[in-house]
Amino acid sequence: MTTYRVGFLVGSISSTSINRKLSLALARLAPEAGLEFSEIPIAGLPFYSADHDADIPTAAAELKRAIEEAEAVVIVTPEYNRSVPGVLKNALDTASRPGGQNSFTGIPSAVIGASGGRIGTAVAQQHLRSILSFLNSPEMAQPEAYITMRDGMITDEGEVTDESTRGFLLRWLEAVHAHVAQVRGDAN
């Protein structure tokens, strides 16, 4: 099985983010699905402004380069006010600019999110899929993954303590692998 390099973005910069816990869990499980995860940090990005298109800030250039070097991108996001968090939207805008230099073009993507509610990230994921479509990033449509986080389900170190959740996440990662293989033309 081919192992793919996957960059992941966490849509929350909170130190207590349940989506950060989820991303750590995915990174721990990823090798079992033929994926190698590495975080693409977004917390230090300046706000996107066309004023900087001629001289892209270092953090923005590093973000763009990390996305372009990845064989796929996974976005792990909460939902803020029925949409994507501002810090994540800023990262997507930064990566897609300046015009003609969209780092997401052709990069396979997948979206997942956690909340305390049953469908707390559904609307954010819908908006995110619309954005990724516009960015020409072939996104995985199925299976959708809305994780209802419960206390102790995933440790601070990313260990999944609930076997059914572990199984679901592993199957989701296997679907990500198949999606990446198909987009890259490596599928059998």
N, C-alpha and C. Protein backbone atom coordinates (compact mmCIF):
# COMPACT_ATOMS: atom_id res chain seq x y z
N MET A 1 0.85 -1.17 0.00
CA MET A 1 0.00 0.00 0.00
C MET A 1 0.90 1.24 0.00
N THR A 2 0.56 2.20 -0.85
CA THR A 2 1.27 3.47 -0.89
C THR A 2 0.93 4.29 0.33
N THR A 3 1.92 4.89 0.93
CA THR A 3 1.70 5.81 2.05
C THR A 3 1.73 7.23 1.50
N TYR A 4 0.68 8.01 1.81
CA TYR A 4 0.57 9.39 1.34
C TYR A 4 0.88 10.37 2.46
N ARG A 5 1.58 11.45 2.10
CA ARG A 5 1.86 12.55 3.03
C ARG A 5 0.65 13.48 3.08
N VAL A 6 0.06 13.61 4.25
CA VAL A 6 -1.14 14.41 4.42
C VAL A 6 -0.86 15.56 5.39
N GLY A 7 -1.06 16.77 4.93
CA GLY A 7 -0.98 17.92 5.81
C GLY A 7 -2.35 18.13 6.43
N PHE A 8 -2.38 18.47 7.72
CA PHE A 8 -3.68 18.74 8.32
C PHE A 8 -3.71 20.13 8.93
N LEU A 9 -4.87 20.76 8.83
CA LEU A 9 -5.12 22.06 9.42
C LEU A 9 -6.18 21.89 10.50
N VAL A 10 -5.95 22.49 11.65
CA VAL A 10 -6.93 22.47 12.73
C VAL A 10 -7.58 23.85 12.76
N GLY A 11 -8.91 23.88 12.62
CA GLY A 11 -9.64 25.14 12.52
C GLY A 11 -9.81 25.90 13.81
N SER A 12 -9.22 25.42 14.88
CA SER A 12 -9.28 26.11 16.16
C SER A 12 -7.87 26.29 16.68
N ILE A 13 -7.58 27.46 17.23
CA ILE A 13 -6.26 27.69 17.82
C ILE A 13 -6.32 27.65 19.34
N SER A 14 -7.47 27.26 19.89
CA SER A 14 -7.63 27.15 21.34
C SER A 14 -6.76 26.03 21.89
N SER A 15 -6.12 26.28 23.02
CA SER A 15 -5.28 25.26 23.65
C SER A 15 -6.11 24.09 24.18
N THR A 16 -7.41 24.28 24.37
CA THR A 16 -8.28 23.22 24.87
C THR A 16 -9.22 22.67 23.79
N SER A 17 -8.86 22.88 22.55
CA SER A 17 -9.71 22.49 21.43
C SER A 17 -9.94 20.98 21.35
N ILE A 18 -11.21 20.59 21.28
CA ILE A 18 -11.51 19.17 21.08
C ILE A 18 -11.16 18.75 19.66
N ASN A 19 -11.12 19.69 18.74
CA ASN A 19 -10.70 19.36 17.38
C ASN A 19 -9.20 19.12 17.30
N ARG A 20 -8.43 19.75 18.15
CA ARG A 20 -7.00 19.44 18.24
C ARG A 20 -6.83 18.01 18.75
N LYS A 21 -7.61 17.63 19.78
CA LYS A 21 -7.57 16.24 20.26
C LYS A 21 -7.92 15.27 19.13
N LEU A 22 -8.94 15.61 18.38
CA LEU A 22 -9.34 14.76 17.25
C LEU A 22 -8.21 14.66 16.23
N SER A 23 -7.55 15.78 15.94
CA SER A 23 -6.45 15.75 14.96
C SER A 23 -5.30 14.87 15.46
N LEU A 24 -5.02 14.92 16.76
CA LEU A 24 -3.97 14.06 17.32
C LEU A 24 -4.36 12.59 17.21
N ALA A 25 -5.64 12.30 17.43
CA ALA A 25 -6.12 10.92 17.28
C ALA A 25 -5.97 10.45 15.84
N LEU A 26 -6.33 11.30 14.91
CA LEU A 26 -6.19 10.94 13.49
C LEU A 26 -4.72 10.69 13.14
N ALA A 27 -3.84 11.55 13.64
CA ALA A 27 -2.41 11.39 13.35
C ALA A 27 -1.88 10.07 13.92
N ARG A 28 -2.37 9.69 15.10
CA ARG A 28 -1.93 8.41 15.71
C ARG A 28 -2.44 7.21 14.91
N LEU A 29 -3.65 7.31 14.37
CA LEU A 29 -4.25 6.21 13.62
C LEU A 29 -3.81 6.17 12.15
N ALA A 30 -3.37 7.29 11.63
CA ALA A 30 -3.09 7.42 10.20
C ALA A 30 -2.17 6.35 9.61
N PRO A 31 -1.08 5.98 10.28
CA PRO A 31 -0.21 4.97 9.68
C PRO A 31 -0.92 3.65 9.37
N GLU A 32 -1.93 3.30 10.18
CA GLU A 32 -2.69 2.06 9.94
C GLU A 32 -3.47 2.14 8.63
N ALA A 33 -3.73 3.36 8.15
CA ALA A 33 -4.49 3.56 6.92
C ALA A 33 -3.59 3.97 5.75
N GLY A 34 -2.28 3.92 5.94
CA GLY A 34 -1.37 4.28 4.86
C GLY A 34 -1.23 5.79 4.67
N LEU A 35 -1.36 6.53 5.75
CA LEU A 35 -1.24 7.99 5.69
C LEU A 35 -0.21 8.45 6.71
N GLU A 36 0.52 9.48 6.36
CA GLU A 36 1.50 10.09 7.26
C GLU A 36 1.06 11.54 7.47
N PHE A 37 0.61 11.86 8.67
CA PHE A 37 0.07 13.19 8.98
C PHE A 37 1.14 14.13 9.50
N SER A 38 1.07 15.38 9.08
CA SER A 38 1.88 16.45 9.67
C SER A 38 1.04 17.72 9.69
N GLU A 39 1.11 18.43 10.80
CA GLU A 39 0.28 19.63 10.93
C GLU A 39 0.82 20.78 10.10
N ILE A 40 -0.10 21.50 9.50
CA ILE A 40 0.21 22.76 8.82
C ILE A 40 -0.35 23.84 9.73
N PRO A 41 0.51 24.51 10.49
CA PRO A 41 0.01 25.47 11.49
C PRO A 41 -0.59 26.73 10.86
N ILE A 42 -1.64 27.23 11.52
CA ILE A 42 -2.30 28.43 11.01
C ILE A 42 -2.38 29.56 12.04
N ALA A 43 -2.01 29.30 13.27
CA ALA A 43 -2.17 30.29 14.35
C ALA A 43 -1.37 31.56 14.11
N GLY A 44 -0.20 31.46 13.53
CA GLY A 44 0.67 32.63 13.37
C GLY A 44 0.50 33.39 12.07
N LEU A 45 -0.51 33.03 11.27
CA LEU A 45 -0.69 33.71 10.00
C LEU A 45 -1.19 35.14 10.19
N PRO A 46 -0.63 36.09 9.44
CA PRO A 46 -1.23 37.42 9.46
C PRO A 46 -2.55 37.38 8.71
N PHE A 47 -3.40 38.37 8.95
CA PHE A 47 -4.64 38.45 8.18
C PHE A 47 -4.30 38.65 6.71
N TYR A 48 -5.03 37.94 5.84
CA TYR A 48 -4.77 38.10 4.41
C TYR A 48 -5.12 39.52 3.97
N SER A 49 -4.25 40.09 3.17
CA SER A 49 -4.50 41.39 2.54
C SER A 49 -3.81 41.39 1.19
N ALA A 50 -4.51 41.86 0.18
CA ALA A 50 -3.92 41.97 -1.16
C ALA A 50 -2.72 42.91 -1.15
N ASP A 51 -2.62 43.75 -0.13
CA ASP A 51 -1.47 44.65 -0.02
C ASP A 51 -0.15 43.88 0.05
N HIS A 52 -0.21 42.60 0.46
CA HIS A 52 1.00 41.80 0.62
C HIS A 52 1.23 40.83 -0.54
N ASP A 53 0.41 40.90 -1.58
CA ASP A 53 0.55 39.94 -2.68
C ASP A 53 1.91 40.02 -3.38
N ALA A 54 2.48 41.20 -3.48
CA ALA A 54 3.77 41.34 -4.15
C ALA A 54 4.93 40.85 -3.27
N ASP A 55 4.74 40.87 -1.97
CA ASP A 55 5.77 40.43 -1.03
C ASP A 55 5.09 39.60 0.06
N ILE A 56 4.86 38.32 -0.23
CA ILE A 56 4.10 37.44 0.66
C ILE A 56 4.82 37.27 1.98
N PRO A 57 4.13 37.49 3.12
CA PRO A 57 4.76 37.30 4.43
C PRO A 57 5.28 35.87 4.59
N THR A 58 6.35 35.72 5.36
CA THR A 58 7.01 34.42 5.55
C THR A 58 6.04 33.33 6.00
N ALA A 59 5.20 33.62 6.99
CA ALA A 59 4.25 32.60 7.49
C ALA A 59 3.29 32.17 6.39
N ALA A 60 2.86 33.11 5.57
CA ALA A 60 1.95 32.79 4.46
C ALA A 60 2.66 31.94 3.41
N ALA A 61 3.89 32.28 3.10
CA ALA A 61 4.66 31.49 2.12
C ALA A 61 4.88 30.07 2.63
N GLU A 62 5.14 29.93 3.94
CA GLU A 62 5.33 28.59 4.52
C GLU A 62 4.05 27.77 4.46
N LEU A 63 2.91 28.41 4.72
CA LEU A 63 1.61 27.73 4.60
C LEU A 63 1.40 27.24 3.18
N LYS A 64 1.60 28.12 2.22
CA LYS A 64 1.40 27.77 0.81
C LYS A 64 2.32 26.61 0.41
N ARG A 65 3.57 26.68 0.80
CA ARG A 65 4.53 25.63 0.46
C ARG A 65 4.14 24.29 1.08
N ALA A 66 3.71 24.31 2.35
CA ALA A 66 3.32 23.07 3.02
C ALA A 66 2.12 22.41 2.32
N ILE A 67 1.16 23.20 1.89
CA ILE A 67 0.00 22.65 1.18
C ILE A 67 0.44 22.08 -0.16
N GLU A 68 1.27 22.80 -0.88
CA GLU A 68 1.72 22.35 -2.20
C GLU A 68 2.57 21.08 -2.12
N GLU A 69 3.31 20.90 -1.01
CA GLU A 69 4.16 19.73 -0.86
C GLU A 69 3.40 18.51 -0.34
N ALA A 70 2.22 18.73 0.22
CA ALA A 70 1.40 17.62 0.72
C ALA A 70 0.75 16.88 -0.46
N GLU A 71 0.52 15.60 -0.26
CA GLU A 71 -0.18 14.82 -1.28
C GLU A 71 -1.69 14.90 -1.06
N ALA A 72 -2.10 15.41 0.12
CA ALA A 72 -3.51 15.62 0.44
C ALA A 72 -3.56 16.53 1.67
N VAL A 73 -4.75 17.10 1.91
CA VAL A 73 -4.96 17.94 3.08
C VAL A 73 -6.24 17.48 3.78
N VAL A 74 -6.15 17.36 5.10
CA VAL A 74 -7.32 17.07 5.93
C VAL A 74 -7.55 18.30 6.81
N ILE A 75 -8.79 18.75 6.86
CA ILE A 75 -9.14 19.89 7.70
C ILE A 75 -10.03 19.39 8.82
N VAL A 76 -9.59 19.66 10.05
CA VAL A 76 -10.30 19.27 11.26
C VAL A 76 -10.83 20.55 11.88
N THR A 77 -12.16 20.70 11.86
CA THR A 77 -12.68 22.03 12.25
C THR A 77 -13.89 21.99 13.17
N PRO A 78 -13.95 22.96 14.07
CA PRO A 78 -15.19 23.18 14.80
C PRO A 78 -16.13 24.02 13.94
N GLU A 79 -17.29 24.30 14.50
CA GLU A 79 -18.24 25.20 13.85
C GLU A 79 -18.42 26.42 14.74
N TYR A 80 -18.22 27.59 14.17
CA TYR A 80 -18.44 28.84 14.89
C TYR A 80 -19.58 29.59 14.20
N ASN A 81 -20.65 29.84 14.91
CA ASN A 81 -21.77 30.63 14.37
C ASN A 81 -22.27 30.12 13.02
N ARG A 82 -22.42 28.79 12.93
CA ARG A 82 -22.94 28.13 11.72
C ARG A 82 -22.02 28.25 10.50
N SER A 83 -20.72 28.41 10.74
CA SER A 83 -19.77 28.48 9.64
C SER A 83 -18.38 28.07 10.12
N VAL A 84 -17.39 28.32 9.27
CA VAL A 84 -16.02 27.98 9.61
C VAL A 84 -15.43 29.08 10.50
N PRO A 85 -14.51 28.72 11.38
CA PRO A 85 -13.85 29.72 12.21
C PRO A 85 -13.07 30.72 11.34
N GLY A 86 -13.00 31.95 11.80
CA GLY A 86 -12.30 33.00 11.06
C GLY A 86 -10.85 32.67 10.79
N VAL A 87 -10.17 32.06 11.76
CA VAL A 87 -8.76 31.73 11.59
C VAL A 87 -8.57 30.72 10.45
N LEU A 88 -9.50 29.80 10.30
CA LEU A 88 -9.43 28.83 9.20
C LEU A 88 -9.73 29.51 7.87
N LYS A 89 -10.74 30.34 7.83
CA LYS A 89 -11.07 31.06 6.58
C LYS A 89 -9.89 31.91 6.15
N ASN A 90 -9.22 32.56 7.10
CA ASN A 90 -8.04 33.36 6.78
C ASN A 90 -6.95 32.48 6.16
N ALA A 91 -6.75 31.28 6.70
CA ALA A 91 -5.74 30.37 6.16
C ALA A 91 -6.10 29.96 4.73
N LEU A 92 -7.36 29.68 4.48
CA LEU A 92 -7.78 29.29 3.13
C LEU A 92 -7.61 30.44 2.15
N ASP A 93 -7.97 31.65 2.58
CA ASP A 93 -7.79 32.82 1.72
C ASP A 93 -6.31 33.05 1.44
N THR A 94 -5.49 32.93 2.47
CA THR A 94 -4.04 33.12 2.32
C THR A 94 -3.46 32.11 1.34
N ALA A 95 -3.87 30.84 1.47
CA ALA A 95 -3.33 29.78 0.62
C ALA A 95 -3.76 29.93 -0.84
N SER A 96 -4.86 30.58 -1.08
CA SER A 96 -5.38 30.67 -2.45
C SER A 96 -4.99 31.95 -3.17
N ARG A 97 -4.22 32.80 -2.51
CA ARG A 97 -3.85 34.09 -3.09
C ARG A 97 -2.33 34.17 -3.24
N PRO A 98 -1.82 35.08 -4.05
CA PRO A 98 -2.54 35.97 -4.96
C PRO A 98 -3.14 35.20 -6.13
N GLY A 99 -3.97 35.86 -6.89
CA GLY A 99 -4.63 35.24 -8.03
C GLY A 99 -3.63 34.49 -8.90
N GLY A 100 -4.02 33.28 -9.32
CA GLY A 100 -3.15 32.46 -10.15
C GLY A 100 -2.14 31.65 -9.35
N GLN A 101 -2.14 31.79 -8.03
CA GLN A 101 -1.18 31.07 -7.18
C GLN A 101 -1.90 30.32 -6.07
N ASN A 102 -3.00 29.68 -6.42
CA ASN A 102 -3.82 28.92 -5.48
C ASN A 102 -3.13 27.62 -5.11
N SER A 103 -2.68 27.50 -3.89
CA SER A 103 -1.95 26.31 -3.45
C SER A 103 -2.81 25.06 -3.34
N PHE A 104 -4.12 25.21 -3.28
CA PHE A 104 -5.02 24.06 -3.15
C PHE A 104 -5.36 23.39 -4.49
N THR A 105 -5.05 24.00 -5.60
CA THR A 105 -5.43 23.46 -6.90
C THR A 105 -4.96 22.02 -7.06
N GLY A 106 -5.91 21.12 -7.24
CA GLY A 106 -5.62 19.71 -7.49
C GLY A 106 -5.23 18.90 -6.27
N ILE A 107 -5.13 19.52 -5.09
CA ILE A 107 -4.76 18.79 -3.88
C ILE A 107 -6.01 18.13 -3.29
N PRO A 108 -6.04 16.80 -3.18
CA PRO A 108 -7.20 16.13 -2.60
C PRO A 108 -7.39 16.56 -1.14
N SER A 109 -8.65 16.70 -0.73
CA SER A 109 -8.93 17.15 0.64
C SER A 109 -10.06 16.33 1.26
N ALA A 110 -10.09 16.38 2.59
CA ALA A 110 -11.16 15.74 3.36
C ALA A 110 -11.41 16.60 4.59
N VAL A 111 -12.64 16.54 5.08
CA VAL A 111 -13.08 17.40 6.18
C VAL A 111 -13.69 16.54 7.28
N ILE A 112 -13.37 16.89 8.51
CA ILE A 112 -13.93 16.21 9.68
C ILE A 112 -14.01 17.24 10.80
N GLY A 113 -14.89 17.03 11.76
CA GLY A 113 -14.98 17.96 12.87
C GLY A 113 -15.64 17.33 14.08
N ALA A 114 -15.34 17.91 15.23
CA ALA A 114 -15.89 17.43 16.50
C ALA A 114 -16.60 18.56 17.22
N SER A 115 -17.63 18.18 17.96
CA SER A 115 -18.34 19.14 18.81
C SER A 115 -18.99 18.37 19.94
N GLY A 116 -19.53 19.11 20.88
CA GLY A 116 -20.27 18.48 21.97
C GLY A 116 -21.66 18.06 21.54
N GLY A 117 -22.15 18.59 20.44
CA GLY A 117 -23.49 18.27 19.93
C GLY A 117 -23.42 17.24 18.82
N ARG A 118 -24.59 16.72 18.45
CA ARG A 118 -24.64 15.63 17.46
C ARG A 118 -24.24 16.05 16.06
N ILE A 119 -24.63 17.24 15.61
CA ILE A 119 -24.28 17.67 14.26
C ILE A 119 -23.64 19.05 14.27
N GLY A 120 -22.93 19.34 15.33
CA GLY A 120 -22.37 20.67 15.53
C GLY A 120 -21.44 21.18 14.46
N THR A 121 -20.83 20.31 13.66
CA THR A 121 -19.94 20.80 12.61
C THR A 121 -20.53 20.64 11.22
N ALA A 122 -21.77 20.21 11.12
CA ALA A 122 -22.37 19.94 9.81
C ALA A 122 -22.43 21.17 8.92
N VAL A 123 -22.85 22.28 9.45
CA VAL A 123 -22.99 23.49 8.63
C VAL A 123 -21.60 24.04 8.27
N ALA A 124 -20.68 24.02 9.22
CA ALA A 124 -19.31 24.46 8.93
C ALA A 124 -18.70 23.59 7.83
N GLN A 125 -18.92 22.29 7.92
CA GLN A 125 -18.37 21.40 6.89
C GLN A 125 -18.99 21.68 5.53
N GLN A 126 -20.28 21.97 5.51
CA GLN A 126 -20.93 22.30 4.24
C GLN A 126 -20.30 23.56 3.64
N HIS A 127 -20.10 24.58 4.45
CA HIS A 127 -19.46 25.80 3.96
C HIS A 127 -18.03 25.51 3.50
N LEU A 128 -17.33 24.71 4.28
CA LEU A 128 -15.95 24.39 3.94
C LEU A 128 -15.86 23.62 2.62
N ARG A 129 -16.78 22.70 2.40
CA ARG A 129 -16.79 21.96 1.13
C ARG A 129 -17.04 22.90 -0.05
N SER A 130 -17.89 23.89 0.15
CA SER A 130 -18.14 24.88 -0.90
C SER A 130 -16.87 25.67 -1.21
N ILE A 131 -16.16 26.07 -0.17
CA ILE A 131 -14.91 26.81 -0.35
C ILE A 131 -13.88 25.94 -1.05
N LEU A 132 -13.71 24.70 -0.60
CA LEU A 132 -12.73 23.81 -1.21
C LEU A 132 -13.05 23.53 -2.67
N SER A 133 -14.33 23.44 -2.99
CA SER A 133 -14.73 23.25 -4.38
C SER A 133 -14.29 24.45 -5.23
N PHE A 134 -14.53 25.64 -4.70
CA PHE A 134 -14.10 26.85 -5.43
C PHE A 134 -12.58 26.89 -5.57
N LEU A 135 -11.86 26.37 -4.57
CA LEU A 135 -10.40 26.37 -4.61
C LEU A 135 -9.84 25.25 -5.49
N ASN A 136 -10.72 24.49 -6.13
CA ASN A 136 -10.32 23.42 -7.04
C ASN A 136 -9.57 22.31 -6.32
N SER A 137 -10.01 22.04 -5.09
CA SER A 137 -9.45 20.94 -4.31
C SER A 137 -10.47 19.81 -4.31
N PRO A 138 -10.17 18.70 -4.98
CA PRO A 138 -11.12 17.59 -5.02
C PRO A 138 -11.36 17.04 -3.62
N GLU A 139 -12.55 17.30 -3.07
CA GLU A 139 -12.79 16.89 -1.68
C GLU A 139 -13.55 15.57 -1.62
N MET A 140 -13.25 14.82 -0.56
CA MET A 140 -13.92 13.55 -0.33
C MET A 140 -15.35 13.84 0.14
N ALA A 141 -16.32 13.30 -0.57
CA ALA A 141 -17.73 13.56 -0.24
C ALA A 141 -18.26 12.61 0.83
N GLN A 142 -17.82 11.37 0.81
CA GLN A 142 -18.31 10.36 1.74
C GLN A 142 -17.16 9.50 2.23
N PRO A 143 -17.18 9.03 3.41
CA PRO A 143 -18.21 9.25 4.41
C PRO A 143 -18.03 10.60 5.10
N GLU A 144 -19.16 11.20 5.47
CA GLU A 144 -19.10 12.43 6.25
C GLU A 144 -18.75 12.04 7.69
N ALA A 145 -18.13 12.97 8.41
CA ALA A 145 -17.68 12.63 9.75
C ALA A 145 -17.94 13.80 10.71
N TYR A 146 -18.98 13.64 11.52
CA TYR A 146 -19.33 14.62 12.55
C TYR A 146 -19.17 13.89 13.89
N ILE A 147 -18.09 14.19 14.58
CA ILE A 147 -17.77 13.46 15.79
C ILE A 147 -18.39 14.16 17.00
N THR A 148 -19.21 13.43 17.74
CA THR A 148 -19.79 13.95 18.98
C THR A 148 -18.82 13.58 20.10
N MET A 149 -18.11 14.58 20.59
CA MET A 149 -17.07 14.35 21.59
C MET A 149 -17.67 14.21 22.98
N ARG A 150 -17.24 13.17 23.67
CA ARG A 150 -17.63 12.95 25.07
C ARG A 150 -16.37 12.96 25.92
N ASP A 151 -16.52 13.30 27.20
CA ASP A 151 -15.38 13.32 28.11
C ASP A 151 -14.66 11.98 28.09
N GLY A 152 -13.36 12.03 27.94
CA GLY A 152 -12.54 10.83 28.00
C GLY A 152 -12.50 10.00 26.72
N MET A 153 -13.27 10.36 25.71
CA MET A 153 -13.32 9.58 24.47
C MET A 153 -11.97 9.59 23.74
N ILE A 154 -11.32 10.76 23.79
CA ILE A 154 -9.99 10.91 23.22
C ILE A 154 -9.15 11.63 24.27
N THR A 155 -7.99 11.07 24.58
CA THR A 155 -7.14 11.70 25.59
C THR A 155 -6.45 12.94 25.00
N ASP A 156 -5.82 13.71 25.88
CA ASP A 156 -5.09 14.89 25.43
C ASP A 156 -3.94 14.53 24.49
N GLU A 157 -3.48 13.30 24.57
CA GLU A 157 -2.39 12.83 23.71
C GLU A 157 -2.90 12.23 22.40
N GLY A 158 -4.21 12.16 22.22
CA GLY A 158 -4.78 11.64 21.00
C GLY A 158 -5.09 10.16 20.99
N GLU A 159 -5.09 9.53 22.15
CA GLU A 159 -5.45 8.11 22.23
C GLU A 159 -6.98 8.00 22.26
N VAL A 160 -7.53 7.21 21.36
CA VAL A 160 -8.98 7.00 21.30
C VAL A 160 -9.31 5.86 22.26
N THR A 161 -10.11 6.16 23.28
CA THR A 161 -10.44 5.17 24.30
C THR A 161 -11.73 4.42 24.00
N ASP A 162 -12.51 4.91 23.08
CA ASP A 162 -13.78 4.29 22.70
C ASP A 162 -13.57 3.47 21.42
N GLU A 163 -13.76 2.16 21.51
CA GLU A 163 -13.47 1.28 20.37
C GLU A 163 -14.33 1.55 19.14
N SER A 164 -15.61 1.88 19.32
CA SER A 164 -16.43 2.14 18.13
C SER A 164 -15.98 3.43 17.44
N THR A 165 -15.57 4.43 18.22
CA THR A 165 -15.05 5.67 17.63
C THR A 165 -13.73 5.40 16.92
N ARG A 166 -12.88 4.60 17.56
CA ARG A 166 -11.60 4.24 16.93
C ARG A 166 -11.85 3.55 15.58
N GLY A 167 -12.77 2.62 15.56
CA GLY A 167 -13.09 1.90 14.33
C GLY A 167 -13.63 2.83 13.26
N PHE A 168 -14.52 3.74 13.65
CA PHE A 168 -15.07 4.70 12.69
C PHE A 168 -13.96 5.58 12.12
N LEU A 169 -13.10 6.12 12.99
CA LEU A 169 -12.03 6.99 12.52
C LEU A 169 -11.07 6.26 11.61
N LEU A 170 -10.77 5.01 11.91
CA LEU A 170 -9.89 4.23 11.05
C LEU A 170 -10.54 3.99 9.69
N ARG A 171 -11.82 3.66 9.66
CA ARG A 171 -12.53 3.49 8.37
C ARG A 171 -12.55 4.81 7.60
N TRP A 172 -12.74 5.93 8.31
CA TRP A 172 -12.74 7.24 7.65
C TRP A 172 -11.36 7.51 7.04
N LEU A 173 -10.30 7.22 7.77
CA LEU A 173 -8.95 7.40 7.24
C LEU A 173 -8.68 6.49 6.04
N GLU A 174 -9.20 5.28 6.08
CA GLU A 174 -9.05 4.38 4.93
C GLU A 174 -9.77 4.95 3.71
N ALA A 175 -10.92 5.60 3.92
CA ALA A 175 -11.62 6.26 2.82
C ALA A 175 -10.82 7.45 2.31
N VAL A 176 -10.16 8.17 3.21
CA VAL A 176 -9.28 9.27 2.78
C VAL A 176 -8.17 8.71 1.89
N HIS A 177 -7.56 7.61 2.31
CA HIS A 177 -6.50 6.97 1.51
C HIS A 177 -7.02 6.62 0.11
N ALA A 178 -8.19 6.00 0.05
CA ALA A 178 -8.76 5.62 -1.25
C ALA A 178 -9.05 6.85 -2.10
N HIS A 179 -9.53 7.91 -1.48
CA HIS A 179 -9.82 9.16 -2.20
C HIS A 179 -8.53 9.75 -2.78
N VAL A 180 -7.49 9.80 -1.97
CA VAL A 180 -6.21 10.35 -2.43
C VAL A 180 -5.67 9.50 -3.59
N ALA A 181 -5.73 8.19 -3.44
CA ALA A 181 -5.26 7.29 -4.50
C ALA A 181 -6.04 7.52 -5.80
N GLN A 182 -7.35 7.69 -5.68
CA GLN A 182 -8.16 7.91 -6.88
C GLN A 182 -7.83 9.25 -7.54
N VAL A 183 -7.74 10.31 -6.76
CA VAL A 183 -7.44 11.63 -7.32
C VAL A 183 -6.06 11.64 -7.96
N ARG A 184 -5.10 10.98 -7.33
CA ARG A 184 -3.73 10.95 -7.84
C ARG A 184 -3.54 9.94 -8.98
N GLY A 185 -4.57 9.14 -9.26
CA GLY A 185 -4.48 8.17 -10.32
C GLY A 185 -3.75 6.90 -9.93
N ASP A 186 -3.64 6.65 -8.61
CA ASP A 186 -2.95 5.47 -8.12
C ASP A 186 -3.90 4.31 -7.81
N ALA A 187 -5.21 4.55 -7.91
CA ALA A 187 -6.19 3.51 -7.55
C ALA A 187 -6.12 2.37 -8.54
N ASN A 188 -6.37 1.16 -8.04
CA ASN A 188 -6.36 -0.03 -8.89
C ASN A 188 -7.54 -0.06 -9.80
